[in-house]
Every structure is written in C-alpha cells, then in structure tokens.
Protein backbone atom coordinates (compact mmCIF):
# COMPACT_ATOMS: atom_id res chain seq x y z
CA MET A 1 0.00 0.00 0.00
CA ASN A 2 1.02 3.63 -0.53
CA PRO A 3 2.13 5.11 2.82
CA THR A 4 -0.52 7.82 2.45
CA THR A 5 -3.35 5.29 2.01
CA PRO A 6 -5.64 5.06 5.06
CA PRO A 7 -4.86 1.92 7.07
CA PHE A 8 -8.27 0.23 6.87
CA GLY A 9 -9.38 -1.07 3.50
CA PRO A 10 -10.44 -4.00 1.34
CA HIS A 11 -6.99 -5.58 1.59
CA LEU A 12 -8.00 -6.63 5.12
CA LYS A 13 -9.94 -9.81 5.91
CA GLY A 14 -13.49 -8.92 6.85
CA PHE A 15 -13.45 -5.36 5.45
CA PRO A 16 -16.08 -4.64 2.74
CA THR A 17 -14.56 -5.34 -0.68
CA GLY A 18 -16.31 -2.49 -2.49
CA LEU A 19 -15.51 0.22 0.06
CA ALA A 20 -12.68 2.74 -0.30
CA PRO A 21 -9.98 2.69 2.39
CA LEU A 22 -10.83 4.46 5.64
CA ALA A 23 -8.92 6.32 8.33
CA ARG A 24 -9.47 5.21 11.90
CA GLU A 25 -11.67 8.19 12.71
CA GLN A 26 -14.01 7.21 9.86
CA ILE A 27 -14.68 3.68 11.14
CA ALA A 28 -17.45 4.56 13.60
CA GLU A 29 -19.16 6.72 10.94
CA GLN A 30 -19.92 3.62 8.86
CA GLY A 31 -22.59 2.45 11.31
CA TRP A 32 -21.64 -1.22 10.95
CA GLN A 33 -23.77 -3.56 13.07
CA LEU A 34 -22.32 -7.03 13.30
CA LEU A 35 -25.53 -8.66 14.53
CA ARG A 36 -27.22 -7.85 11.24
CA GLY A 37 -24.31 -9.12 9.14
CA ASP A 38 -22.84 -5.82 7.93
CA LEU A 39 -19.32 -7.31 7.78
CA ALA A 40 -18.31 -10.70 6.42
CA LEU A 41 -17.38 -13.40 8.89
CA PRO A 42 -15.14 -14.69 10.33
CA LEU A 43 -14.13 -11.59 12.20
CA ALA A 44 -12.16 -11.09 15.41
CA VAL A 45 -13.57 -8.25 17.49
CA LEU A 46 -12.64 -6.39 20.67
CA LYS A 47 -15.28 -5.36 23.18
CA GLN A 48 -14.77 -1.74 24.18
CA SER A 49 -16.27 -2.02 27.66
CA ALA A 50 -14.01 -4.94 28.60
CA LEU A 51 -10.92 -3.16 27.27
CA ARG A 52 -11.69 -0.13 29.42
CA HIS A 53 -12.35 -2.27 32.48
CA ASN A 54 -9.07 -4.15 32.07
CA LEU A 55 -7.04 -0.98 31.52
CA HIS A 56 -8.37 0.53 34.73
CA TRP A 57 -8.11 -2.71 36.73
CA MET A 58 -4.43 -3.22 35.95
CA ARG A 59 -3.63 0.46 36.38
CA ASP A 60 -5.13 0.34 39.87
CA PHE A 61 -3.45 -3.00 40.68
CA CYS A 62 -0.02 -1.53 39.91
CA ALA A 63 -0.69 1.84 41.58
CA GLN A 64 -1.78 0.19 44.82
CA ARG A 65 1.54 -1.71 44.95
CA GLY A 66 3.85 1.06 43.77
CA LEU A 67 4.65 -0.84 40.58
CA HIS A 68 5.24 0.26 36.99
CA LEU A 69 3.74 -1.51 33.99
CA ALA A 70 5.51 -2.37 30.73
CA PRO A 71 2.93 -4.72 29.17
CA HIS A 72 4.18 -7.20 26.61
CA GLY A 73 3.41 -5.64 23.23
CA LYS A 74 3.93 -8.90 21.36
CA THR A 75 0.48 -9.98 22.54
CA SER A 76 -1.32 -7.62 20.18
CA MET A 77 1.40 -5.88 18.12
CA SER A 78 -1.18 -3.10 17.92
CA PRO A 79 0.03 0.52 18.21
CA GLU A 80 -3.49 1.68 19.01
CA LEU A 81 -3.70 -0.71 21.96
CA TRP A 82 -0.18 0.16 23.12
CA HIS A 83 -1.16 3.82 23.31
CA MET A 84 -4.30 2.95 25.25
CA GLN A 85 -1.98 1.26 27.74
CA LEU A 86 0.48 4.16 27.80
CA ASP A 87 -2.35 6.66 28.22
CA ALA A 88 -3.54 4.56 31.18
CA GLY A 89 -0.14 5.04 32.83
CA ALA A 90 2.12 2.30 31.46
CA TRP A 91 5.82 3.18 31.84
CA GLY A 92 6.81 1.49 28.58
CA ILE A 93 6.02 -1.48 26.36
CA SER A 94 7.82 -4.85 26.36
CA PHE A 95 8.74 -6.72 23.18
CA ALA A 96 10.24 -10.07 22.28
CA THR A 97 12.42 -9.01 19.32
CA VAL A 98 14.21 -5.95 17.99
CA PHE A 99 11.83 -5.98 15.00
CA GLN A 100 8.86 -5.63 17.36
CA ALA A 101 10.67 -2.95 19.34
CA ALA A 102 11.36 -1.03 16.12
CA VAL A 103 7.64 -1.04 15.36
CA GLY A 104 7.11 0.37 18.84
CA ALA A 105 9.73 3.06 18.31
CA ARG A 106 8.16 4.09 15.00
CA HIS A 107 4.87 4.49 16.84
CA GLU A 108 6.34 6.72 19.56
CA VAL A 109 6.69 4.21 22.39
CA PRO A 110 9.18 5.99 24.69
CA VAL A 111 10.59 2.98 26.60
CA LEU A 112 11.27 -0.38 24.93
CA LEU A 113 11.90 -3.37 27.17
CA ILE A 114 13.08 -6.24 24.96
CA ALA A 115 12.35 -9.19 27.24
CA ASN A 116 14.73 -11.47 25.37
CA GLN A 117 18.38 -11.87 24.51
CA VAL A 118 19.77 -9.67 21.73
CA ILE A 119 22.80 -11.33 20.17
CA GLN A 120 22.46 -11.33 16.36
CA ARG A 121 24.59 -8.81 14.49
CA ALA A 122 21.63 -7.68 12.40
CA GLU A 123 19.54 -7.04 15.52
CA LEU A 124 22.36 -5.11 17.18
CA ASP A 125 22.72 -3.07 13.98
CA ALA A 126 19.01 -2.31 14.07
CA LEU A 127 19.05 -1.32 17.73
CA ALA A 128 21.97 1.03 17.11
CA VAL A 129 20.06 2.62 14.23
CA LEU A 130 16.97 3.14 16.39
CA HIS A 131 19.00 5.00 18.99
CA ALA A 132 20.83 7.07 16.37
CA GLU A 133 17.50 8.12 14.87
CA ARG A 134 15.81 8.73 18.24
CA PRO A 135 18.26 10.08 20.84
CA ALA A 136 15.55 10.29 23.53
CA LEU A 137 14.57 6.64 23.13
CA ARG A 138 15.26 4.29 26.03
CA SER A 139 15.67 0.58 25.42
CA LEU A 140 16.74 -2.36 27.55
CA PHE A 141 17.35 -6.01 26.68
CA LEU A 142 18.28 -9.19 28.52
CA VAL A 143 21.65 -10.87 29.02
CA ASP A 144 22.01 -14.40 30.37
CA SER A 145 25.54 -15.52 29.44
CA VAL A 146 29.12 -14.36 29.24
CA GLY A 147 29.12 -15.63 25.66
CA GLN A 148 26.42 -13.13 24.78
CA VAL A 149 28.51 -10.30 26.21
CA ASP A 150 31.50 -11.50 24.18
CA ALA A 151 29.41 -11.56 21.00
CA ILE A 152 28.10 -8.04 21.59
CA GLU A 153 31.59 -6.70 22.20
CA ALA A 154 32.90 -8.39 19.02
CA TRP A 155 30.06 -6.76 17.07
CA ALA A 156 30.87 -3.35 18.58
CA ILE A 157 34.53 -3.63 17.57
CA ALA A 158 33.62 -4.69 14.02
CA ARG A 159 31.12 -1.83 13.65
CA GLY A 160 33.12 0.84 15.46
CA PHE A 161 30.20 1.24 17.87
CA THR A 162 31.05 3.52 20.81
CA GLY A 163 27.71 3.69 22.61
CA ARG A 164 26.40 1.60 25.48
CA PHE A 165 23.29 -0.52 25.75
CA GLU A 166 21.28 -0.79 28.94
CA VAL A 167 20.67 -4.41 29.89
CA LEU A 168 18.96 -6.51 32.52
CA LEU A 169 20.56 -9.66 33.89
CA GLU A 170 18.07 -12.51 33.41
CA LEU A 171 17.66 -15.23 36.01
CA GLY A 172 16.03 -18.42 34.76
CA ILE A 173 14.48 -21.61 36.11
CA ALA A 174 15.89 -25.06 35.37
CA GLY A 175 13.99 -26.76 32.57
CA GLN A 176 12.20 -23.55 31.62
CA ARG A 177 13.16 -20.79 29.21
CA THR A 178 16.13 -18.45 29.01
CA GLY A 179 18.04 -17.03 31.97
CA CYS A 180 21.10 -18.06 33.96
CA ARG A 181 20.50 -20.95 36.33
CA SER A 182 22.86 -20.50 39.27
CA ALA A 183 24.07 -17.79 41.65
CA ASP A 184 27.67 -18.29 40.54
CA GLU A 185 26.70 -17.87 36.89
CA ALA A 186 24.68 -14.74 37.68
CA ARG A 187 27.65 -13.30 39.56
CA GLN A 188 30.03 -13.93 36.66
CA ILE A 189 27.69 -12.41 34.10
CA ALA A 190 26.94 -9.34 36.23
CA TRP A 191 30.65 -8.69 36.70
CA ARG A 192 31.26 -9.17 32.99
CA ILE A 193 28.50 -6.71 32.08
CA HIS A 194 29.93 -4.18 34.52
CA ALA A 195 33.39 -4.55 32.96
CA SER A 196 32.08 -4.19 29.40
CA PRO A 197 32.60 -0.90 27.52
CA VAL A 198 29.42 -1.60 25.52
CA LEU A 199 26.91 -2.52 28.23
CA GLN A 200 25.61 -1.14 31.50
CA LEU A 201 23.68 -3.13 34.07
CA ALA A 202 20.31 -1.51 34.79
CA GLY A 203 18.64 -4.26 36.79
CA ILE A 204 17.53 -7.87 37.20
CA GLU A 205 14.79 -9.68 35.26
CA CYS A 206 13.01 -13.02 35.45
CA TYR A 207 9.91 -14.75 34.06
CA GLU A 208 7.67 -17.03 36.06
CA GLY A 209 4.66 -17.44 33.75
CA THR A 210 5.39 -20.93 32.41
CA THR A 211 5.47 -22.36 35.94
CA ALA A 212 1.85 -21.52 36.80
CA THR A 213 -0.23 -24.47 37.99
CA CYS A 214 -3.23 -22.93 39.82
CA ASP A 215 -2.02 -24.80 42.91
CA HIS A 216 -1.58 -21.91 45.35
CA THR A 217 1.04 -23.65 47.47
CA LYS A 218 3.17 -24.75 44.52
CA ASP A 219 2.91 -21.42 42.69
CA ARG A 220 3.76 -19.40 45.77
CA ALA A 221 6.79 -21.61 46.54
CA THR A 222 8.10 -21.36 42.96
CA VAL A 223 7.76 -17.59 42.90
CA GLN A 224 9.23 -17.23 46.38
CA CYS A 225 12.35 -19.17 45.34
CA LEU A 226 12.76 -17.20 42.12
CA MET A 227 12.28 -13.79 43.72
CA ASP A 228 14.63 -14.70 46.56
CA ARG A 229 17.29 -15.21 43.89
CA VAL A 230 16.39 -11.88 42.22
CA GLU A 231 16.72 -10.00 45.49
CA ALA A 232 19.96 -11.74 46.49
CA THR A 233 21.52 -11.02 43.08
CA ALA A 234 20.46 -7.38 43.25
CA ARG A 235 21.95 -7.00 46.73
CA GLU A 236 25.26 -8.47 45.66
CA ALA A 237 25.39 -6.27 42.55
CA ILE A 238 24.82 -3.21 44.75
CA ALA A 239 27.53 -4.28 47.15
CA GLN A 240 29.97 -4.81 44.29
CA GLY A 241 29.07 -1.51 42.58
CA TRP A 242 27.94 -3.21 39.37
CA PHE A 243 24.88 -1.01 38.79
CA VAL A 244 25.73 2.19 36.93
CA GLN A 245 22.60 4.16 37.79
CA ASP A 246 21.15 4.86 41.22
CA GLU A 247 17.72 3.43 40.28
CA ILE A 248 17.57 -0.34 39.95
CA ILE A 249 15.00 -2.06 37.75
CA LEU A 250 13.48 -5.34 38.91
CA SER A 251 11.15 -6.86 36.33
CA ALA A 252 8.95 -9.97 36.13
CA GLY A 253 5.38 -10.91 35.44
CA GLY A 254 3.52 -12.96 32.90
CA SER A 255 -0.28 -12.95 32.84
CA ALA A 256 -0.98 -15.94 35.10
CA ILE A 257 0.59 -15.48 38.56
CA PHE A 258 1.65 -11.85 38.32
CA ASP A 259 0.09 -11.13 41.72
CA LEU A 260 2.70 -13.32 43.38
CA VAL A 261 5.74 -11.67 41.77
CA ALA A 262 4.16 -8.27 42.42
CA GLU A 263 4.66 -8.88 46.14
CA ARG A 264 8.43 -9.02 45.65
CA LEU A 265 9.21 -6.40 42.97
CA THR A 266 9.95 -3.47 45.30
CA PRO A 267 12.22 -4.80 48.08
CA ASN A 268 14.06 -2.38 50.34
CA LEU A 269 17.54 -2.39 48.81
CA GLY A 270 18.68 0.95 50.13
CA ARG A 271 18.45 2.29 46.59
CA PRO A 272 15.48 3.46 44.46
CA VAL A 273 13.79 0.39 42.91
CA ARG A 274 11.54 0.48 39.86
CA GLY A 275 9.43 -2.67 39.96
CA VAL A 276 8.24 -3.38 36.43
CA LEU A 277 5.42 -5.82 35.70
CA ARG A 278 5.27 -7.10 32.10
CA SER A 279 1.88 -8.87 31.92
CA GLY A 280 0.77 -8.73 28.27
CA CYS A 281 -2.52 -10.63 28.02
CA TYR A 282 -4.33 -8.64 30.70
CA LEU A 283 -5.77 -6.10 28.24
CA THR A 284 -7.89 -8.53 26.25
CA HIS A 285 -7.72 -11.52 28.63
CA ASP A 286 -9.49 -14.66 27.31
CA HIS A 287 -12.36 -17.05 28.02
CA GLN A 288 -10.38 -20.15 28.97
CA ARG A 289 -6.72 -20.47 30.00
CA TYR A 290 -6.23 -17.06 31.57
CA THR A 291 -9.75 -17.06 32.96
CA ARG A 292 -8.77 -20.13 34.99
CA TYR A 293 -5.56 -18.46 36.17
CA LEU A 294 -7.37 -15.25 37.12
CA CYS A 295 -9.85 -17.22 39.20
CA CYS A 296 -6.82 -18.27 41.24
CA VAL A 297 -5.60 -14.67 41.43
CA ALA A 298 -9.05 -13.66 42.72
CA GLU A 299 -8.89 -16.38 45.38
CA ARG A 300 -5.46 -15.25 46.56
CA LEU A 301 -6.44 -11.57 46.65
CA ASN A 302 -9.98 -12.17 47.92
CA LEU A 303 -11.50 -10.29 44.96
CA ARG A 304 -14.93 -10.66 43.44
CA GLU A 305 -13.87 -9.35 40.05
CA THR A 306 -10.63 -9.27 38.10
CA LEU A 307 -10.25 -9.06 34.32
CA LYS A 308 -12.91 -9.47 31.64
CA PRO A 309 -12.56 -11.25 28.27
CA ALA A 310 -12.48 -8.63 25.52
CA LEU A 311 -11.66 -10.72 22.42
CA GLU A 312 -14.17 -12.84 20.51
CA VAL A 313 -14.17 -14.41 17.06
CA LEU A 314 -17.46 -14.34 15.16
CA ALA A 315 -18.22 -16.94 12.48
CA CYS A 316 -21.12 -18.04 10.32
CA VAL A 317 -22.80 -21.45 10.34
CA GLN A 318 -22.10 -22.31 6.72
CA SER A 319 -23.03 -25.98 6.58
CA CYS A 320 -25.05 -28.50 8.60
CA PRO A 321 -24.14 -31.69 6.73
CA GLU A 322 -25.39 -34.25 9.26
CA PRO A 323 -27.19 -34.42 12.61
CA GLY A 324 -24.87 -33.40 15.42
CA LEU A 325 -22.43 -31.46 13.24
CA ALA A 326 -22.27 -27.91 11.91
CA LEU A 327 -19.31 -26.25 10.18
CA LEU A 328 -18.39 -22.70 11.12
CA SER A 329 -16.59 -20.32 8.77
CA MET A 330 -13.46 -19.97 10.89
CA GLY A 331 -10.39 -22.12 11.26
CA ARG A 332 -6.75 -22.17 12.23
CA ARG A 333 -6.11 -19.07 10.12
CA ASP A 334 -8.61 -17.09 12.17
CA VAL A 335 -8.53 -18.22 15.79
CA SER A 336 -5.97 -19.47 18.33
CA HIS A 337 -5.60 -23.20 18.86
CA ASP A 338 -2.21 -23.54 20.59
CA LEU A 339 -3.66 -24.08 24.08
CA ASP A 340 -7.41 -24.77 23.95
CA LEU A 341 -9.95 -24.93 21.15
CA PRO A 342 -12.45 -22.06 20.83
CA LEU A 343 -15.41 -21.99 23.20
CA PRO A 344 -18.87 -21.24 21.70
CA LEU A 345 -20.42 -18.34 23.63
CA TRP A 346 -23.51 -16.97 21.95
CA ARG A 347 -25.60 -17.22 18.79
CA SER A 348 -27.62 -14.73 16.75
CA ASP A 349 -29.81 -15.08 13.66
CA GLY A 350 -27.42 -12.89 11.63
CA GLN A 351 -30.25 -10.53 10.73
CA GLY A 352 -30.18 -8.20 13.72
CA GLY A 353 -31.51 -10.54 16.39
CA ALA A 354 -30.13 -10.20 19.91
CA PRO A 355 -27.41 -12.63 21.03
CA ARG A 356 -28.46 -15.54 23.20
CA ALA A 357 -26.35 -18.11 24.99
CA VAL A 358 -25.56 -21.29 23.09
CA PRO A 359 -26.86 -24.61 24.49
CA ALA A 360 -24.56 -26.32 26.96
CA HIS A 361 -24.07 -29.30 24.64
CA TRP A 362 -22.40 -27.23 21.89
CA ARG A 363 -18.63 -27.68 21.59
CA ILE A 364 -15.89 -27.15 19.01
CA ASP A 365 -13.68 -30.22 18.82
CA ALA A 366 -11.53 -29.62 15.72
CA LEU A 367 -10.26 -26.94 13.36
CA ASN A 368 -9.14 -27.06 9.73
CA ASP A 369 -7.55 -24.12 7.93
CA GLN A 370 -10.93 -22.48 7.30
CA HIS A 371 -13.47 -24.58 9.25
CA ALA A 372 -14.46 -25.22 12.85
CA TYR A 373 -16.31 -28.43 13.73
CA LEU A 374 -19.21 -27.50 15.99
CA ARG A 375 -20.65 -30.61 17.61
CA HIS A 376 -24.08 -30.68 19.25
CA ASP A 377 -26.51 -33.24 20.62
CA PRO A 378 -28.57 -34.62 17.70
CA LEU A 379 -31.23 -35.75 20.19
CA ALA A 380 -31.75 -32.23 21.55
CA PRO A 381 -34.80 -30.24 20.38
CA LYS A 382 -34.23 -28.88 16.88
CA GLU A 383 -34.44 -25.28 18.08
CA GLU A 384 -31.21 -26.01 19.95
CA TRP A 385 -29.42 -27.11 16.77
CA PRO A 386 -27.16 -24.61 14.95
CA GLN A 387 -29.07 -22.93 12.12
CA LEU A 388 -27.66 -22.34 8.65
CA GLY A 389 -26.54 -18.73 8.23
CA GLU A 390 -26.63 -17.75 11.89
CA THR A 391 -23.74 -16.10 13.72
CA VAL A 392 -21.83 -17.94 16.42
CA ALA A 393 -19.35 -16.09 18.62
CA SER A 394 -16.52 -18.00 20.28
CA GLY A 395 -14.23 -17.17 23.15
CA ILE A 396 -10.53 -17.90 22.76
CA SER A 397 -7.68 -19.32 24.79
CA HIS A 398 -4.43 -17.31 24.71
CA PRO A 399 -4.97 -14.02 22.86
CA CYS A 400 -1.44 -13.79 21.39
CA THR A 401 -2.08 -16.38 18.70
CA THR A 402 -5.45 -14.96 17.71
CA PHE A 403 -4.06 -11.45 17.25
CA ASP A 404 -1.36 -12.66 14.85
CA LYS A 405 -4.01 -13.95 12.43
CA TRP A 406 -5.52 -10.50 11.87
CA ARG A 407 -4.25 -7.20 10.47
CA TRP A 408 -7.17 -5.29 11.93
CA MET A 409 -9.86 -5.78 14.55
CA PRO A 410 -13.07 -3.79 14.90
CA VAL A 411 -13.84 -2.50 18.38
CA VAL A 412 -17.50 -2.96 19.26
CA ASP A 413 -19.85 -1.69 21.95
CA ASP A 414 -21.99 -4.06 23.98
CA GLY A 415 -24.59 -4.12 21.19
CA TYR A 416 -21.92 -5.17 18.63
CA ARG A 417 -21.95 -1.86 16.80
CA VAL A 418 -18.49 -1.01 15.44
CA VAL A 419 -17.21 2.09 17.24
CA ASP A 420 -13.47 1.96 16.52
CA ALA A 421 -10.76 -0.29 15.07
CA VAL A 422 -7.13 -1.20 15.66
CA THR A 423 -4.33 -2.41 13.40
CA THR A 424 -1.71 -5.10 14.06
CA TRP A 425 1.90 -5.11 12.84
CA PHE A 426 3.13 -8.70 12.83
C-alpha cells in the first residue's frame, strides 16, 4: 500500500470489498452492526467495555503496589492498543524481538523493554540505528551468558560502535526458558556486564509465567524461590558496585501469577527500585486459559472481580451436513488453537436478532484451515441445533495467537456496533 493510504481497506480480511480505504476516525461513521451481518465473517472483534475495564483494573493493581507496567506488546502488536496502555499510565512497552521494538519506536513508544536476549549482528545493527535516529529513546534487553557479552563486544569492535546498551541480567528456572541458572553464573555475568565498555547493568529480570499451575502452594513456593534469587543477586550487585545508575529495575510478570511476583518487585535495597510488571494478556484476557488463572488470582487476593474477556471471534454457520455437526466459517487461520480450542459463547440469527447463549451441549472439537467443527446433541430439540446462516461467537484461549491472524480488529460496543478499530503489525 502507498504510505498515504488510510490503514483500513479491502486488503483486510473482513473489510467490505467495495468500500474505499478508511482512516481510523471514519470507522465509527460507517454504522456497521455485526448482529445484522454488515461485515463478512469470520471476524475477530474487541469489546470496548471490557478493554476499558481491564485498563483501569491493571492500572489500579499496579498503583496500589507502587509498581510500573511495561505490558508485553507482542500480545497484540497493535500501536493503538499500546497507546491505550500508555495513556492509562504504562511506563513502557515490552517486546520479544528488535523488530517488534522497532515497530514500537516508530509508533512513539518511549521505553522499549526487549524481554529477550539480543545477540544477532543484524539485531544489534538495528538497535543502534533506532538510537541514532531517536536520541531520547530508552531501550533495555536481557543478558544471560558471558558468551552473549563476548558476542556483543565483538560486534561493537567490528562496527566501530562507541555507545552503550542498557541491559537486565536474566535469572532463569531449570527446565524452563532463558536465563542463567545459578548464583555463581549470575555473579560472573553481572561482573562481565559491569566490565564491558558496551553494556551497563540496569537491573535484574526473570519470568515465572510458564510455571503456573493454579495450585496456590506450589505457585507461591516457585515464585518465592525465584524472587529470593532476584533479590539476592540485586543486593550483591549493589555491594559490588555493578549497577551504573542509582535506580535499579526489577522486572517480572507474565499474565498468570503476576500477583505473586508483584509482592516481591519493590524490596528495600537501600536504593530506588523500579518494579516493572510485564503482563501482556491482561488487556484482552481470554475465556479459557487465563480465565482459569485469574480465578486463582481472585482467590489469593480475595477479589470478586478481576479481568474481563475482551476478544471474541465471530463466524457463520455455513453448513449443517449431518445431525450433530455444523461447520463454522473460521479455522486455524482465524482463531488461536495452541492451548485450547475455541469456546462457543452466543448465537444470533445474523439478521439483527439479539445474542443468546448457546446450548450447553455445543462444543468445538476440531479446526481445519478455514473450518471449525461445531458438535451438538442430535437428540436435543431442533431449536437447539445450529441454524444455517446464523452467527456464532466464540471465546478464545491465549490471545497472542489470535491477534497474529488479523491485520485489523473492529472495536464494538456491547450491542456489537463497530465504534473503533485497531491495526496489528506482525
């Protein structure tokens, strides 16, 4: 597309083919009503009321604990959603790669936290370019080995690079993802970063999300052990003078047991501490995996309400080939399937009728590229069977891998009128 072309147009799945491209501010003017079939399905949509609730809930959660938020931008890769988060008080946005961080920089994200190792020459080149182009930009990335420091220094010599990158030392868990495993290893890497002419140690980072079990005792013990290591490493680095700046960053937090790490992100170290939570899925939440985790968060915090699912995928019943089976017009190219299959939520006649809950016996048990297999009880009354042409909305499990299947998402009010839209940049 020409850079001057409005971002929303018929090149996008679900956008009207015969309509000229639109700017974001023109979307609401179209008066699209999804319950009467104004846009082709499948279509992933965001519910405005849930987005607002989640923004305010997490803002208040962090404020009450003196924490800062740098939500993981890889979840949505949506500049419009990032700026909603920044406007709600987020300190910065986290990313998984330098490419993602560059998208953030081009969309005026002021602080980029790359929650991953940067080691490739091409990525280091790109990061150097971003800082040369944007002197006020702040970025941080993770280091978890002396070998990584060696590689960065070799790149700097080859490129004649004379700047310094801010980094966080990553502590990891055996059998899990990245991060150094032992206290001795952490000590060696921290010293090596301090001695490097290319790097400066800004803080300590870890990630606990993959350990979540919804067993309160196990989860609390795992987090306690991990955060004990974070605090001990930070104290030793202070004692040795390895931190360059007075403020120390301590960062953790996926979207499952973030309440437990939040308890340990602002220890009294005798120095200013910026505790940074990186939960990414909180904004849209989901109807399955994270809903289960957040029920556990609510139990631990004695809360009646936490986050609300904001992301749904709407599809059409396009075929009812045999009793007990209907085929929906969505598949693996439209909806996440990496954790749990979609969950049917509500149905509508597709002609403006109000949504109503689907029968309890409806379930999706398989996906093809473009089809979902909706099973139902063939012995149930026929009014409970899926009807050809009707709309079925499904909840998702794990929003990250639904977002990456769309280049735009309409934002809808509670009556499924389109009031806004966002883009994604995968």
